[in-house]
């Protein structure tokens, strides 16, 4: 019996080219890292690629090794226009994680040195993006489900967001040792859960997330 498997989708530049054909240039890809972790910020990136300077091997960050992501991150820093935005733990708890993610995406676009005319966003929710500094022109938004696997600009943004956030969590691990954030990036791994049971939550934990809220309630520390 032959088992048929779906071929892996290869990210391309078609969505960017289609926008450019309509005069919507430059085009940026937007993605985030850190919606699911129990600790730390959510980080978004916006990337404008040059079609003649796309690093070889560019792909969704989830399909790449950490070493390969780091290599591509360095390459993108040399050939692409990059913006990074964040929403901190306080904002996540106050706004909710979805709204905080949209805020981080808007901040990433605002951080671009070249304002985009069109944005390709991973997922099915469109952030409220800032207008161009010149001419006050709105930036169009196109949402692409699984865009990080389909669109090279979004794949680039996924790498920048992931590497940036991983580095931040590694730095935070030095300030809050014992939770293994340099390895688990704040996700609810067995290591992280064991550390929470032993050490309790820190100021960098998301109090609005159910596992952290439950721990705080059990200790009587929930405000």
N, C-alpha and C. Protein backbone atom coordinates (compact mmCIF):
# COMPACT_ATOMS: atom_id res chain seq x y z
N UNK A 1 0.84 -1.20 0.00
CA UNK A 1 0.00 0.00 0.00
C UNK A 1 0.88 1.25 0.00
N UNK A 2 0.61 2.17 -0.93
CA UNK A 2 1.39 3.40 -1.02
C UNK A 2 0.70 4.51 -0.25
N UNK A 3 1.45 5.12 0.63
CA UNK A 3 0.91 6.22 1.42
C UNK A 3 1.28 7.53 0.76
N UNK A 4 0.26 8.30 0.40
CA UNK A 4 0.50 9.57 -0.26
C UNK A 4 0.69 10.66 0.79
N UNK A 5 1.72 11.43 0.65
CA UNK A 5 1.97 12.54 1.56
C UNK A 5 1.91 13.84 0.78
N UNK A 6 1.45 14.88 1.45
CA UNK A 6 1.39 16.19 0.81
C UNK A 6 2.78 16.77 0.69
N UNK A 7 3.13 17.31 -0.48
CA UNK A 7 4.45 17.92 -0.61
C UNK A 7 4.55 19.17 0.24
N UNK A 8 5.71 19.44 0.77
CA UNK A 8 5.92 20.63 1.60
C UNK A 8 5.78 21.88 0.75
N UNK A 9 5.02 22.83 1.26
CA UNK A 9 4.85 24.10 0.56
C UNK A 9 6.17 24.87 0.60
N UNK A 10 6.57 25.40 -0.53
CA UNK A 10 7.79 26.19 -0.58
C UNK A 10 7.42 27.65 -0.71
N UNK A 11 7.94 28.46 0.20
CA UNK A 11 7.63 29.89 0.18
C UNK A 11 8.13 30.52 -1.11
N UNK A 12 7.34 31.43 -1.65
CA UNK A 12 7.72 32.12 -2.87
C UNK A 12 7.55 33.62 -2.75
N UNK A 13 7.76 34.31 -3.86
CA UNK A 13 7.71 35.77 -3.89
C UNK A 13 6.49 36.26 -4.69
N UNK A 14 5.53 35.38 -4.92
CA UNK A 14 4.39 35.72 -5.75
C UNK A 14 3.48 36.79 -5.19
N UNK A 15 3.22 36.75 -3.89
CA UNK A 15 2.35 37.75 -3.29
C UNK A 15 2.99 39.14 -3.32
N UNK A 16 4.28 39.20 -3.11
CA UNK A 16 4.99 40.47 -3.18
C UNK A 16 4.96 41.02 -4.61
N UNK A 17 5.18 40.13 -5.59
CA UNK A 17 5.19 40.55 -6.99
C UNK A 17 3.81 41.04 -7.43
N UNK A 18 2.76 40.38 -6.94
CA UNK A 18 1.40 40.80 -7.30
C UNK A 18 1.10 42.19 -6.75
N UNK A 19 1.52 42.45 -5.52
CA UNK A 19 1.32 43.78 -4.95
C UNK A 19 2.12 44.83 -5.71
N UNK A 20 3.35 44.50 -6.06
CA UNK A 20 4.19 45.43 -6.80
C UNK A 20 3.59 45.74 -8.17
N UNK A 21 2.97 44.75 -8.79
CA UNK A 21 2.35 44.95 -10.10
C UNK A 21 1.19 45.95 -10.02
N UNK A 22 0.60 46.09 -8.83
CA UNK A 22 -0.48 47.06 -8.63
C UNK A 22 0.06 48.41 -8.15
N UNK A 23 1.37 48.54 -8.14
CA UNK A 23 1.99 49.78 -7.71
C UNK A 23 2.14 49.93 -6.22
N UNK A 24 1.90 48.84 -5.48
CA UNK A 24 1.98 48.89 -4.02
C UNK A 24 3.37 48.47 -3.56
N UNK A 25 4.28 49.41 -3.61
CA UNK A 25 5.66 49.15 -3.19
C UNK A 25 6.10 50.28 -2.25
N UNK A 26 6.98 49.95 -1.29
CA UNK A 26 7.49 48.60 -1.00
C UNK A 26 6.47 47.73 -0.27
N UNK A 27 6.75 46.44 -0.28
CA UNK A 27 5.91 45.44 0.38
C UNK A 27 6.68 44.86 1.56
N UNK A 28 6.04 44.75 2.70
CA UNK A 28 6.69 44.12 3.84
C UNK A 28 5.94 42.86 4.25
N UNK A 29 6.66 41.92 4.83
CA UNK A 29 6.06 40.76 5.47
C UNK A 29 6.09 40.96 6.97
N UNK A 30 5.05 40.48 7.66
CA UNK A 30 4.94 40.65 9.11
C UNK A 30 4.65 39.31 9.77
N UNK A 31 5.37 39.01 10.84
CA UNK A 31 5.08 37.82 11.64
C UNK A 31 5.50 38.09 13.07
N UNK A 32 5.08 37.19 13.96
CA UNK A 32 5.37 37.36 15.38
C UNK A 32 5.97 36.09 15.97
N UNK A 33 6.54 36.25 17.14
CA UNK A 33 7.03 35.11 17.92
C UNK A 33 6.65 35.36 19.37
N UNK A 34 6.12 34.33 20.03
CA UNK A 34 5.87 34.45 21.45
C UNK A 34 4.44 34.64 21.87
N UNK A 35 3.48 34.19 21.07
CA UNK A 35 2.09 34.29 21.53
C UNK A 35 1.78 33.26 22.62
N UNK A 36 2.40 32.08 22.51
CA UNK A 36 2.05 30.99 23.41
C UNK A 36 2.81 30.88 24.72
N UNK A 37 4.01 31.43 24.85
CA UNK A 37 4.78 31.25 26.08
C UNK A 37 4.08 31.82 27.32
N UNK A 38 4.50 31.32 28.47
CA UNK A 38 3.95 31.77 29.75
C UNK A 38 4.71 32.97 30.30
N UNK A 39 5.83 33.31 29.69
CA UNK A 39 6.65 34.41 30.21
C UNK A 39 7.27 35.18 29.05
N UNK A 40 7.59 36.45 29.32
CA UNK A 40 8.29 37.27 28.36
C UNK A 40 7.38 37.99 27.39
N UNK A 41 7.96 38.87 26.57
CA UNK A 41 7.18 39.68 25.64
C UNK A 41 6.76 38.89 24.41
N UNK A 42 5.84 39.47 23.66
CA UNK A 42 5.58 38.99 22.30
C UNK A 42 6.33 39.94 21.37
N UNK A 43 7.01 39.39 20.38
CA UNK A 43 7.87 40.17 19.49
C UNK A 43 7.39 39.98 18.06
N UNK A 44 7.29 41.08 17.33
CA UNK A 44 6.91 41.03 15.92
C UNK A 44 8.01 41.64 15.08
N UNK A 45 8.06 41.22 13.82
CA UNK A 45 9.03 41.78 12.89
C UNK A 45 8.34 42.10 11.57
N UNK A 46 8.79 43.15 10.93
CA UNK A 46 8.36 43.52 9.59
C UNK A 46 9.61 43.58 8.71
N UNK A 47 9.55 42.93 7.55
CA UNK A 47 10.73 42.83 6.70
C UNK A 47 10.37 43.18 5.26
N UNK A 48 11.15 44.08 4.67
CA UNK A 48 11.05 44.39 3.25
C UNK A 48 12.23 43.75 2.54
N UNK A 49 11.94 42.78 1.68
CA UNK A 49 12.99 42.08 0.95
C UNK A 49 13.28 42.78 -0.39
N UNK A 50 14.50 42.66 -0.83
CA UNK A 50 14.86 43.04 -2.20
C UNK A 50 14.81 41.78 -3.04
N UNK A 51 14.01 41.74 -4.10
CA UNK A 51 13.84 40.49 -4.86
C UNK A 51 15.13 39.95 -5.47
N UNK A 52 16.11 40.82 -5.65
CA UNK A 52 17.38 40.37 -6.22
C UNK A 52 18.42 40.05 -5.14
N UNK A 53 18.03 40.15 -3.87
CA UNK A 53 18.96 39.86 -2.77
C UNK A 53 18.26 39.04 -1.69
N UNK A 54 17.62 37.97 -2.08
CA UNK A 54 16.94 37.10 -1.11
C UNK A 54 17.91 36.01 -0.68
N UNK A 55 18.21 35.90 0.60
CA UNK A 55 19.15 34.88 1.06
C UNK A 55 18.68 33.47 0.67
N UNK A 56 19.56 32.65 0.15
CA UNK A 56 19.16 31.28 -0.20
C UNK A 56 18.79 30.48 1.04
N UNK A 57 17.77 29.64 0.88
CA UNK A 57 17.35 28.81 2.00
C UNK A 57 16.35 29.47 2.92
N UNK A 58 15.88 30.67 2.55
CA UNK A 58 14.91 31.37 3.38
C UNK A 58 13.62 30.56 3.47
N UNK A 59 13.15 30.33 4.70
CA UNK A 59 11.97 29.49 4.92
C UNK A 59 11.37 29.83 6.27
N UNK A 60 10.20 29.28 6.52
CA UNK A 60 9.52 29.44 7.81
C UNK A 60 10.47 29.07 8.94
N UNK A 61 10.57 29.93 9.94
CA UNK A 61 11.52 29.72 11.04
C UNK A 61 11.29 28.39 11.75
N UNK A 62 10.04 27.90 11.77
CA UNK A 62 9.74 26.66 12.48
C UNK A 62 10.37 25.44 11.81
N UNK A 63 10.73 25.58 10.54
CA UNK A 63 11.32 24.45 9.82
C UNK A 63 12.85 24.45 9.86
N UNK A 64 13.43 25.45 10.51
CA UNK A 64 14.87 25.63 10.50
C UNK A 64 15.48 25.34 11.86
N UNK A 65 16.73 24.90 11.84
CA UNK A 65 17.46 24.72 13.09
C UNK A 65 17.81 26.09 13.66
N UNK A 66 18.14 26.11 14.94
CA UNK A 66 18.51 27.37 15.58
C UNK A 66 19.72 27.99 14.90
N UNK A 67 20.70 27.15 14.55
CA UNK A 67 21.91 27.66 13.90
C UNK A 67 21.58 28.27 12.54
N UNK A 68 20.69 27.62 11.80
CA UNK A 68 20.33 28.13 10.47
C UNK A 68 19.54 29.42 10.59
N UNK A 69 18.66 29.52 11.59
CA UNK A 69 17.93 30.77 11.80
C UNK A 69 18.89 31.91 12.10
N UNK A 70 19.89 31.64 12.91
CA UNK A 70 20.87 32.67 13.24
C UNK A 70 21.62 33.12 11.99
N UNK A 71 21.98 32.18 11.13
CA UNK A 71 22.69 32.53 9.90
C UNK A 71 21.82 33.41 9.00
N UNK A 72 20.56 33.02 8.84
CA UNK A 72 19.67 33.78 7.98
C UNK A 72 19.35 35.15 8.60
N UNK A 73 19.25 35.21 9.90
CA UNK A 73 19.04 36.48 10.59
C UNK A 73 20.17 37.45 10.25
N UNK A 74 21.40 36.98 10.32
CA UNK A 74 22.54 37.83 9.99
C UNK A 74 22.52 38.25 8.53
N UNK A 75 22.16 37.33 7.64
CA UNK A 75 22.09 37.64 6.21
C UNK A 75 21.01 38.68 5.93
N UNK A 76 19.86 38.52 6.55
CA UNK A 76 18.77 39.47 6.33
C UNK A 76 19.15 40.86 6.82
N UNK A 77 19.92 40.93 7.88
CA UNK A 77 20.35 42.22 8.39
C UNK A 77 21.21 43.00 7.41
N UNK A 78 21.82 42.30 6.46
CA UNK A 78 22.68 42.94 5.47
C UNK A 78 21.95 43.35 4.20
N UNK A 79 20.82 42.69 3.88
CA UNK A 79 20.19 42.91 2.57
C UNK A 79 18.74 43.38 2.64
N UNK A 80 18.11 43.38 3.82
CA UNK A 80 16.69 43.71 3.92
C UNK A 80 16.48 44.90 4.84
N UNK A 81 15.32 45.52 4.71
CA UNK A 81 14.89 46.58 5.63
C UNK A 81 14.07 45.90 6.72
N UNK A 82 14.46 46.09 7.98
CA UNK A 82 13.87 45.34 9.09
C UNK A 82 13.35 46.28 10.16
N UNK A 83 12.16 45.98 10.64
CA UNK A 83 11.60 46.68 11.79
C UNK A 83 11.18 45.66 12.83
N UNK A 84 11.34 46.00 14.10
CA UNK A 84 10.99 45.10 15.20
C UNK A 84 10.09 45.84 16.18
N UNK A 85 9.05 45.17 16.65
CA UNK A 85 8.16 45.75 17.65
C UNK A 85 7.87 44.73 18.75
N UNK A 86 7.58 45.22 19.93
CA UNK A 86 7.34 44.35 21.08
C UNK A 86 6.11 44.82 21.85
N UNK A 87 5.52 43.90 22.56
CA UNK A 87 4.54 44.23 23.60
C UNK A 87 4.96 43.46 24.83
N UNK A 88 5.11 44.17 25.95
CA UNK A 88 5.62 43.57 27.16
C UNK A 88 4.55 42.81 27.94
N UNK A 89 4.99 42.19 29.01
CA UNK A 89 4.11 41.36 29.84
C UNK A 89 2.94 42.18 30.38
N UNK A 90 3.21 43.40 30.84
CA UNK A 90 2.13 44.23 31.38
C UNK A 90 1.07 44.51 30.32
N UNK A 91 1.52 44.76 29.09
CA UNK A 91 0.57 45.03 28.01
C UNK A 91 -0.20 43.76 27.63
N UNK A 92 0.47 42.63 27.64
CA UNK A 92 -0.22 41.36 27.36
C UNK A 92 -1.32 41.11 28.38
N UNK A 93 -1.01 41.33 29.65
CA UNK A 93 -1.99 41.09 30.70
C UNK A 93 -3.12 42.11 30.67
N UNK A 94 -2.81 43.33 30.28
CA UNK A 94 -3.83 44.38 30.28
C UNK A 94 -4.73 44.32 29.05
N UNK A 95 -4.14 43.99 27.89
CA UNK A 95 -4.89 44.05 26.64
C UNK A 95 -5.45 42.70 26.20
N UNK A 96 -4.78 41.63 26.52
CA UNK A 96 -4.91 40.23 26.08
C UNK A 96 -3.87 39.97 25.00
N UNK A 97 -3.53 38.71 24.81
CA UNK A 97 -2.39 38.37 23.95
C UNK A 97 -2.64 38.72 22.49
N UNK A 98 -3.88 38.58 22.00
CA UNK A 98 -4.15 38.92 20.60
C UNK A 98 -3.96 40.40 20.36
N UNK A 99 -4.55 41.24 21.20
CA UNK A 99 -4.41 42.68 21.03
C UNK A 99 -2.95 43.11 21.19
N UNK A 100 -2.23 42.49 22.11
CA UNK A 100 -0.81 42.82 22.30
C UNK A 100 0.00 42.43 21.07
N UNK A 101 -0.35 41.31 20.45
CA UNK A 101 0.34 40.89 19.23
C UNK A 101 0.10 41.88 18.11
N UNK A 102 -1.14 42.33 17.95
CA UNK A 102 -1.44 43.33 16.92
C UNK A 102 -0.67 44.62 17.17
N UNK A 103 -0.54 45.00 18.44
CA UNK A 103 0.21 46.20 18.80
C UNK A 103 1.68 46.03 18.45
N UNK A 104 2.26 44.87 18.74
CA UNK A 104 3.66 44.61 18.40
C UNK A 104 3.88 44.67 16.90
N UNK A 105 2.92 44.16 16.14
CA UNK A 105 3.04 44.20 14.67
C UNK A 105 3.02 45.64 14.16
N UNK A 106 2.11 46.45 14.70
CA UNK A 106 2.05 47.86 14.29
C UNK A 106 3.36 48.57 14.64
N UNK A 107 3.92 48.26 15.80
CA UNK A 107 5.19 48.87 16.19
C UNK A 107 6.33 48.42 15.29
N UNK A 108 6.29 47.19 14.82
CA UNK A 108 7.33 46.70 13.91
C UNK A 108 7.29 47.47 12.59
N UNK A 109 6.09 47.71 12.08
CA UNK A 109 5.97 48.48 10.83
C UNK A 109 6.43 49.92 11.04
N UNK A 110 6.06 50.50 12.17
CA UNK A 110 6.49 51.87 12.48
C UNK A 110 8.01 51.96 12.59
N UNK A 111 8.65 50.85 12.94
CA UNK A 111 10.11 50.83 13.11
C UNK A 111 10.87 50.72 11.79
N UNK A 112 10.17 50.43 10.70
CA UNK A 112 10.83 50.32 9.40
C UNK A 112 11.36 51.68 8.95
N UNK A 113 12.59 51.69 8.45
CA UNK A 113 13.17 52.94 7.95
C UNK A 113 12.45 53.41 6.68
N UNK A 114 11.92 52.47 5.92
CA UNK A 114 11.16 52.77 4.70
C UNK A 114 9.72 52.38 4.92
N UNK A 115 8.78 53.31 4.95
CA UNK A 115 7.38 52.96 5.19
C UNK A 115 6.82 52.13 4.04
N UNK A 116 6.12 51.04 4.32
CA UNK A 116 5.58 50.19 3.26
C UNK A 116 4.23 50.70 2.75
N UNK A 117 3.88 50.33 1.53
CA UNK A 117 2.56 50.60 0.99
C UNK A 117 1.65 49.40 1.12
N UNK A 118 2.23 48.21 1.34
CA UNK A 118 1.43 47.00 1.43
C UNK A 118 2.11 46.06 2.41
N UNK A 119 1.30 45.37 3.22
CA UNK A 119 1.83 44.44 4.21
C UNK A 119 1.18 43.08 4.04
N UNK A 120 2.00 42.06 4.08
CA UNK A 120 1.56 40.67 4.03
C UNK A 120 1.73 40.11 5.44
N UNK A 121 0.62 39.72 6.06
CA UNK A 121 0.62 39.37 7.48
C UNK A 121 0.31 37.89 7.66
N UNK A 122 1.11 37.22 8.47
CA UNK A 122 0.84 35.82 8.77
C UNK A 122 -0.43 35.70 9.63
N UNK A 123 -1.33 34.80 9.25
CA UNK A 123 -2.53 34.58 10.04
C UNK A 123 -3.78 35.14 9.38
N UNK A 124 -4.84 35.28 10.17
CA UNK A 124 -6.12 35.75 9.64
C UNK A 124 -6.62 37.02 10.31
N UNK A 125 -5.76 37.68 11.09
CA UNK A 125 -6.12 38.94 11.75
C UNK A 125 -5.20 40.05 11.26
N UNK A 126 -5.79 41.18 10.91
CA UNK A 126 -5.01 42.31 10.39
C UNK A 126 -4.77 43.34 11.47
N UNK A 127 -3.52 43.70 11.71
CA UNK A 127 -3.25 44.78 12.67
C UNK A 127 -3.61 46.13 12.08
N UNK A 128 -3.83 47.10 12.93
CA UNK A 128 -4.09 48.48 12.52
C UNK A 128 -2.73 49.14 12.32
N UNK A 129 -2.32 49.29 11.07
CA UNK A 129 -0.97 49.73 10.77
C UNK A 129 -0.88 51.25 10.65
N UNK A 130 0.29 51.82 10.98
CA UNK A 130 0.46 53.27 10.87
C UNK A 130 0.49 53.71 9.41
N UNK A 131 0.15 54.97 9.18
CA UNK A 131 0.21 55.53 7.83
C UNK A 131 1.64 55.96 7.50
N UNK A 132 1.89 56.10 6.21
CA UNK A 132 3.21 56.54 5.77
C UNK A 132 3.50 57.95 6.26
N UNK A 133 4.76 58.15 6.59
CA UNK A 133 5.16 59.48 7.06
C UNK A 133 5.04 60.51 5.93
N UNK A 134 5.26 60.06 4.69
CA UNK A 134 5.19 60.95 3.54
C UNK A 134 3.86 60.75 2.83
N UNK A 135 3.06 61.78 2.69
CA UNK A 135 1.81 61.68 1.97
C UNK A 135 0.67 61.12 2.78
N UNK A 136 0.93 60.66 4.00
CA UNK A 136 -0.12 60.14 4.87
C UNK A 136 -0.93 59.04 4.18
N UNK A 137 -0.26 58.20 3.40
CA UNK A 137 -0.93 57.14 2.67
C UNK A 137 -1.08 55.91 3.55
N UNK A 138 -2.24 55.27 3.46
CA UNK A 138 -2.48 54.08 4.25
C UNK A 138 -1.68 52.90 3.69
N UNK A 139 -1.33 52.00 4.56
CA UNK A 139 -0.65 50.77 4.17
C UNK A 139 -1.70 49.67 4.07
N UNK A 140 -1.85 49.10 2.89
CA UNK A 140 -2.78 48.00 2.71
C UNK A 140 -2.32 46.76 3.45
N UNK A 141 -3.26 45.92 3.84
CA UNK A 141 -2.93 44.71 4.59
C UNK A 141 -3.58 43.50 3.92
N UNK A 142 -2.79 42.46 3.75
CA UNK A 142 -3.28 41.20 3.19
C UNK A 142 -2.90 40.08 4.16
N UNK A 143 -3.89 39.38 4.68
CA UNK A 143 -3.63 38.29 5.63
C UNK A 143 -3.48 36.97 4.88
N UNK A 144 -2.48 36.20 5.26
CA UNK A 144 -2.21 34.91 4.63
C UNK A 144 -2.11 33.84 5.72
N UNK A 145 -3.07 32.94 5.75
CA UNK A 145 -3.01 31.82 6.68
C UNK A 145 -1.84 30.93 6.29
N UNK A 146 -1.03 30.57 7.28
CA UNK A 146 0.21 29.82 7.05
C UNK A 146 1.14 30.60 6.11
N UNK A 147 1.08 31.91 6.25
CA UNK A 147 1.89 32.76 5.38
C UNK A 147 3.38 32.56 5.54
N UNK A 148 3.82 32.16 6.73
CA UNK A 148 5.26 31.95 6.93
C UNK A 148 5.79 30.80 6.09
N UNK A 149 4.91 29.90 5.64
CA UNK A 149 5.31 28.79 4.78
C UNK A 149 5.09 29.09 3.30
N UNK A 150 4.34 30.17 3.01
CA UNK A 150 3.95 30.46 1.63
C UNK A 150 4.62 31.68 1.03
N UNK A 151 5.07 32.58 1.88
CA UNK A 151 5.50 33.91 1.44
C UNK A 151 6.88 34.21 2.00
N UNK A 152 7.82 34.55 1.12
CA UNK A 152 9.20 34.75 1.56
C UNK A 152 9.36 35.93 2.51
N UNK A 153 8.61 37.00 2.30
CA UNK A 153 8.73 38.16 3.19
C UNK A 153 8.24 37.83 4.59
N UNK A 154 7.16 37.04 4.68
CA UNK A 154 6.66 36.63 5.99
C UNK A 154 7.63 35.63 6.62
N UNK A 155 8.19 34.74 5.81
CA UNK A 155 9.18 33.80 6.34
C UNK A 155 10.36 34.56 6.93
N UNK A 156 10.79 35.60 6.23
CA UNK A 156 11.90 36.42 6.75
C UNK A 156 11.52 37.06 8.07
N UNK A 157 10.28 37.58 8.15
CA UNK A 157 9.83 38.20 9.39
C UNK A 157 9.75 37.18 10.52
N UNK A 158 9.35 35.95 10.19
CA UNK A 158 9.27 34.91 11.23
C UNK A 158 10.64 34.62 11.81
N UNK A 159 11.67 34.64 10.98
CA UNK A 159 13.04 34.39 11.44
C UNK A 159 13.51 35.54 12.33
N UNK A 160 13.30 36.76 11.88
CA UNK A 160 13.75 37.92 12.66
C UNK A 160 13.04 37.96 14.01
N UNK A 161 11.73 37.73 14.02
CA UNK A 161 10.99 37.76 15.28
C UNK A 161 11.44 36.65 16.21
N UNK A 162 11.61 35.46 15.68
CA UNK A 162 12.00 34.31 16.51
C UNK A 162 13.40 34.50 17.09
N UNK A 163 14.37 34.87 16.28
CA UNK A 163 15.74 35.03 16.77
C UNK A 163 15.82 36.17 17.77
N UNK A 164 15.14 37.28 17.47
CA UNK A 164 15.15 38.42 18.38
C UNK A 164 14.58 38.03 19.73
N UNK A 165 13.44 37.35 19.72
CA UNK A 165 12.82 36.98 21.00
C UNK A 165 13.65 35.94 21.74
N UNK A 166 14.19 34.95 21.04
CA UNK A 166 15.03 33.94 21.70
C UNK A 166 16.21 34.60 22.40
N UNK A 167 16.81 35.57 21.76
CA UNK A 167 17.94 36.27 22.37
C UNK A 167 17.50 37.04 23.60
N UNK A 168 16.34 37.66 23.53
CA UNK A 168 15.84 38.40 24.69
C UNK A 168 15.55 37.46 25.86
N UNK A 169 14.99 36.30 25.55
CA UNK A 169 14.69 35.35 26.62
C UNK A 169 15.96 34.77 27.23
N UNK A 170 17.00 34.61 26.41
CA UNK A 170 18.28 34.15 26.93
C UNK A 170 18.86 35.19 27.89
N UNK A 171 18.72 36.48 27.52
CA UNK A 171 19.20 37.54 28.40
C UNK A 171 18.37 37.59 29.69
N UNK A 172 17.05 37.41 29.58
CA UNK A 172 16.21 37.40 30.77
C UNK A 172 16.51 36.21 31.68
N UNK A 173 16.96 35.11 31.09
CA UNK A 173 17.30 33.93 31.88
C UNK A 173 18.45 34.21 32.85
N UNK A 174 19.30 35.16 32.50
CA UNK A 174 20.39 35.51 33.40
C UNK A 174 19.87 36.31 34.60
N UNK A 175 18.80 37.06 34.37
CA UNK A 175 18.20 37.84 35.46
C UNK A 175 17.27 37.00 36.32
N UNK A 176 16.68 35.98 35.71
CA UNK A 176 15.74 35.10 36.41
C UNK A 176 16.17 33.65 36.19
N UNK A 177 17.25 33.23 36.85
CA UNK A 177 17.78 31.89 36.62
C UNK A 177 16.86 30.80 37.18
N UNK A 178 17.01 29.61 36.61
CA UNK A 178 16.30 28.46 37.13
C UNK A 178 15.11 28.01 36.31
N UNK A 179 14.60 28.88 35.42
CA UNK A 179 13.41 28.55 34.64
C UNK A 179 13.76 27.95 33.26
N UNK A 180 15.02 28.05 32.88
CA UNK A 180 15.45 27.47 31.60
C UNK A 180 15.01 28.24 30.38
N UNK A 181 14.79 29.55 30.53
CA UNK A 181 14.30 30.33 29.39
C UNK A 181 15.28 30.36 28.23
N UNK A 182 16.56 30.13 28.52
CA UNK A 182 17.54 30.09 27.43
C UNK A 182 17.32 28.86 26.54
N UNK A 183 16.56 27.90 27.06
CA UNK A 183 16.24 26.69 26.28
C UNK A 183 14.78 26.64 25.87
N UNK A 184 13.87 27.03 26.76
CA UNK A 184 12.45 26.87 26.45
C UNK A 184 11.76 28.16 26.02
N UNK A 185 12.48 29.29 26.05
CA UNK A 185 11.97 30.59 25.60
C UNK A 185 10.67 31.00 26.30
N UNK A 186 10.44 30.46 27.49
CA UNK A 186 9.26 30.83 28.26
C UNK A 186 8.04 29.97 28.00
N UNK A 187 8.16 28.98 27.12
CA UNK A 187 7.02 28.08 26.86
C UNK A 187 6.81 27.16 28.07
N UNK A 188 5.63 26.58 28.15
CA UNK A 188 5.26 25.76 29.30
C UNK A 188 5.79 24.34 29.23
N UNK A 189 7.09 24.19 29.14
CA UNK A 189 7.73 22.88 29.09
C UNK A 189 7.75 22.26 30.49
N UNK A 190 8.11 20.98 30.53
CA UNK A 190 8.21 20.30 31.82
C UNK A 190 9.23 21.00 32.72
N UNK A 191 10.34 21.43 32.13
CA UNK A 191 11.37 22.15 32.90
C UNK A 191 10.80 23.44 33.49
N UNK A 192 10.06 24.17 32.69
CA UNK A 192 9.51 25.44 33.15
C UNK A 192 8.45 25.21 34.22
N UNK A 193 7.60 24.21 34.03
CA UNK A 193 6.56 23.91 35.01
C UNK A 193 7.17 23.51 36.35
N UNK A 194 8.23 22.71 36.31
CA UNK A 194 8.88 22.28 37.54
C UNK A 194 9.50 23.47 38.27
N UNK A 195 10.09 24.40 37.50
CA UNK A 195 10.70 25.58 38.11
C UNK A 195 9.64 26.47 38.73
N UNK A 196 8.49 26.59 38.08
CA UNK A 196 7.40 27.39 38.64
C UNK A 196 6.91 26.81 39.96
N UNK A 197 6.81 25.48 40.02
CA UNK A 197 6.37 24.84 41.26
C UNK A 197 7.38 25.05 42.38
N UNK A 198 8.66 25.13 42.00
CA UNK A 198 9.73 25.25 42.99
C UNK A 198 9.99 26.70 43.39
N UNK A 199 9.98 27.60 42.39
CA UNK A 199 10.40 28.99 42.61
C UNK A 199 9.25 29.99 42.61
N UNK A 200 8.13 29.59 42.00
CA UNK A 200 7.01 30.52 41.87
C UNK A 200 7.18 31.44 40.67
N UNK A 201 6.13 32.18 40.30
CA UNK A 201 6.20 33.09 39.15
C UNK A 201 7.06 34.32 39.41
N UNK A 202 7.57 34.90 38.34
CA UNK A 202 8.35 36.14 38.39
C UNK A 202 7.53 37.28 37.81
N UNK A 203 8.09 38.46 37.83
CA UNK A 203 7.43 39.61 37.22
C UNK A 203 7.35 39.49 35.70
N UNK A 204 8.12 38.57 35.12
CA UNK A 204 8.10 38.38 33.67
C UNK A 204 7.10 37.31 33.25
N UNK A 205 6.38 36.72 34.18
CA UNK A 205 5.35 35.75 33.84
C UNK A 205 4.03 36.46 33.54
N UNK A 206 3.27 35.90 32.63
CA UNK A 206 2.01 36.49 32.18
C UNK A 206 0.89 36.08 33.15
N UNK A 207 0.49 37.01 33.98
CA UNK A 207 -0.49 36.72 35.03
C UNK A 207 -1.86 36.38 34.45
N UNK A 208 -2.14 36.83 33.24
CA UNK A 208 -3.44 36.56 32.62
C UNK A 208 -3.53 35.16 32.03
N UNK A 209 -2.40 34.45 31.92
CA UNK A 209 -2.41 33.10 31.38
C UNK A 209 -2.83 32.12 32.48
N UNK A 210 -3.70 31.19 32.13
CA UNK A 210 -4.33 30.32 33.13
C UNK A 210 -3.35 29.61 34.06
N UNK A 211 -2.26 29.00 33.57
CA UNK A 211 -1.36 28.30 34.50
C UNK A 211 -0.73 29.23 35.53
N UNK A 212 -0.39 30.46 35.12
CA UNK A 212 0.22 31.41 36.05
C UNK A 212 -0.83 31.95 37.00
N UNK A 213 -2.00 32.25 36.48
CA UNK A 213 -3.09 32.74 37.34
C UNK A 213 -3.45 31.72 38.40
N UNK A 214 -3.45 30.44 38.01
CA UNK A 214 -3.77 29.37 38.96
C UNK A 214 -2.73 29.30 40.07
N UNK A 215 -1.45 29.43 39.72
CA UNK A 215 -0.40 29.39 40.72
C UNK A 215 -0.51 30.58 41.69
N UNK A 216 -0.77 31.76 41.13
CA UNK A 216 -0.89 32.95 41.97
C UNK A 216 -2.09 32.85 42.90
N UNK A 217 -3.19 32.30 42.37
CA UNK A 217 -4.38 32.16 43.20
C UNK A 217 -4.13 31.18 44.34
N UNK A 218 -3.41 30.09 44.05
CA UNK A 218 -3.14 29.09 45.06
C UNK A 218 -2.26 29.63 46.16
N UNK A 219 -1.37 30.58 45.79
CA UNK A 219 -0.46 31.15 46.79
C UNK A 219 -1.05 32.36 47.49
N UNK A 220 -2.21 32.80 47.03
CA UNK A 220 -2.84 33.97 47.62
C UNK A 220 -2.26 35.28 47.13
N UNK A 221 -1.44 35.21 46.05
CA UNK A 221 -0.78 36.41 45.56
C UNK A 221 -1.53 37.07 44.42
N UNK A 222 -2.64 36.50 44.01
CA UNK A 222 -3.38 37.07 42.88
C UNK A 222 -4.09 38.34 43.32
N UNK A 223 -3.77 39.43 42.59
CA UNK A 223 -4.36 40.75 42.95
C UNK A 223 -5.81 40.81 42.52
